Amino acid sequence: VQTCAPSYHWFVVGRVLQGTGSSSIAIVLAISRDCYEKEEERLKVGGLLFACMLLGPLIAPPIGGFLATRFGWRSSFFMLAGVSSSIFLCSYFLVPETSPKAPKSSYLRAVWRIVANKRRFLLLLLMA
């Protein structure tokens, strides 16, 4: 949104969206803590994630300044979009799923459990 913003207002909207996306850092750290049983592994992975998160603010200003002076202020946002997309694709295809597989259940069996229970059925009728 920032790279193609026709006005200051759209630029601010893009920055708000960017801030919303970056607020997931705390959730990523909490989830990574829950994925490892051994405390040593948790601390190692947490430290590695935190170091990677601090690397961005460390190297971004010089790279952004170079790109802005060489190619214009929008170029740093194009670069950010490219890097973010690359990280997303690598995470999607390379990071394994950690949640346990849910047991398979029949859809009709689940519907019958709702209909057979009077309270659940009345609640469903009230909500409809």
Foldseek 3Di string as FASTA:
>chain_A
DLLPDPDPVVNVVVVVVVVVVVVCLVVVLVVLLVLDDDPVVNVVVSVVSVVVVVVCVVPLVVVQVVCCVPPNNSVSVVVVVVVVVVVVVCCVPPPDDRDDDDDDDDPVVVVCVQVVDPVSVVVVVVVD
